[in-house]
Amino acid sequence: MEAKAKEQFKLKFYALTILLNVIILLAALVVIALFLAPVPFKYYLPPALLAIDLVMIYIFIKKYHETKQWLDQHQEPGKQNT
């Protein structure tokens, strides 16, 4: 893999890592909001956070498959990705 392609992959990997951390954080916030949110917010905050989390999961899966396809296209000839 060329140096430019390695740098691009590094940036793509960092973006996926940050997105995955946001997803995990939002999932934790959903659970915390279920137990600690004041009563008026208890009915609206967890579903809203869950909806945002599901959208982020969809984006993550889409970007993961795009990055995997990009990596398959930029791998060195003669090496197979297992």
Protein backbone atom coordinates (compact mmCIF):
# COMPACT_ATOMS: atom_id res chain seq x y z
CA MET A 1 0.00 0.00 0.00
CA GLU A 2 1.34 3.41 -0.91
CA ALA A 3 2.11 6.02 1.73
CA LYS A 4 -0.76 8.25 0.59
CA ALA A 5 -3.21 5.34 0.79
CA LYS A 6 -1.92 4.43 4.26
CA GLU A 7 -2.51 7.99 5.44
CA GLN A 8 -6.04 7.96 4.01
CA PHE A 9 -6.74 4.64 5.71
CA LYS A 10 -5.45 6.00 9.01
CA LEU A 11 -7.87 8.93 8.79
CA LYS A 12 -10.77 6.64 7.85
CA PHE A 13 -9.92 4.35 10.76
CA TYR A 14 -9.79 7.27 13.21
CA ALA A 15 -13.17 8.52 12.00
CA LEU A 16 -14.71 5.07 12.45
CA THR A 17 -13.19 4.77 15.91
CA ILE A 18 -14.58 8.12 17.03
CA LEU A 19 -18.00 7.26 15.60
CA LEU A 20 -18.02 3.94 17.45
CA ASN A 21 -17.11 5.71 20.70
CA VAL A 22 -20.00 8.14 20.21
CA ILE A 23 -22.36 5.20 19.66
CA ILE A 24 -21.22 3.54 22.89
CA LEU A 25 -21.52 6.82 24.79
CA LEU A 26 -25.05 7.39 23.51
CA ALA A 27 -26.07 3.85 24.50
CA ALA A 28 -24.76 4.50 28.01
CA LEU A 29 -26.62 7.82 28.14
CA VAL A 30 -29.87 6.05 27.21
CA VAL A 31 -29.51 3.72 30.19
CA ILE A 32 -28.52 6.55 32.54
CA ALA A 33 -31.43 8.70 31.33
CA LEU A 34 -33.87 5.87 32.02
CA PHE A 35 -32.93 5.84 35.69
CA LEU A 36 -31.73 9.35 36.53
CA ALA A 37 -33.69 11.74 34.31
CA PRO A 38 -36.37 13.83 36.04
CA VAL A 39 -39.92 12.62 35.47
CA PRO A 40 -40.90 15.13 32.74
CA PHE A 41 -37.81 14.20 30.70
CA LYS A 42 -37.86 10.48 31.47
CA TYR A 43 -40.43 9.85 28.75
CA TYR A 44 -38.79 11.91 26.02
CA LEU A 45 -35.03 11.87 26.57
CA PRO A 46 -34.27 8.12 26.37
CA PRO A 47 -36.25 7.55 23.13
CA ALA A 48 -34.67 10.64 21.58
CA LEU A 49 -31.16 9.48 22.53
CA LEU A 50 -31.97 5.99 21.27
CA ALA A 51 -33.16 7.38 17.94
CA ILE A 52 -29.95 9.38 17.56
CA ASP A 53 -27.95 6.27 18.50
CA LEU A 54 -29.72 4.17 15.86
CA VAL A 55 -28.99 6.79 13.20
CA MET A 56 -25.33 6.81 14.24
CA ILE A 57 -25.23 3.00 14.07
CA TYR A 58 -26.62 3.14 10.52
CA ILE A 59 -23.99 5.72 9.53
CA PHE A 60 -21.24 3.63 11.15
CA ILE A 61 -22.25 0.46 9.30
CA LYS A 62 -22.44 2.34 6.00
CA LYS A 63 -19.01 3.97 6.51
CA TYR A 64 -17.51 0.65 7.69
CA HIS A 65 -18.56 -1.10 4.49
CA GLU A 66 -17.30 1.80 2.36
CA THR A 67 -13.94 1.71 4.15
CA LYS A 68 -13.69 -2.07 3.81
CA GLN A 69 -14.42 -1.81 0.08
CA TRP A 70 -11.85 0.99 -0.26
CA LEU A 71 -9.27 -1.10 1.59
CA ASP A 72 -9.93 -4.09 -0.67
CA GLN A 73 -9.32 -1.89 -3.70
CA HIS A 74 -6.06 -0.47 -2.30
CA GLN A 75 -4.43 -3.62 -0.99
CA GLU A 76 -1.12 -4.75 -2.41
CA PRO A 77 -1.27 -7.13 -5.37
CA GLY A 78 -0.75 -10.74 -4.35
CA LYS A 79 -1.98 -10.21 -0.78
CA GLN A 80 -5.44 -11.36 0.19
CA ASN A 81 -7.54 -9.84 2.95
CA THR A 82 -8.76 -12.63 5.25
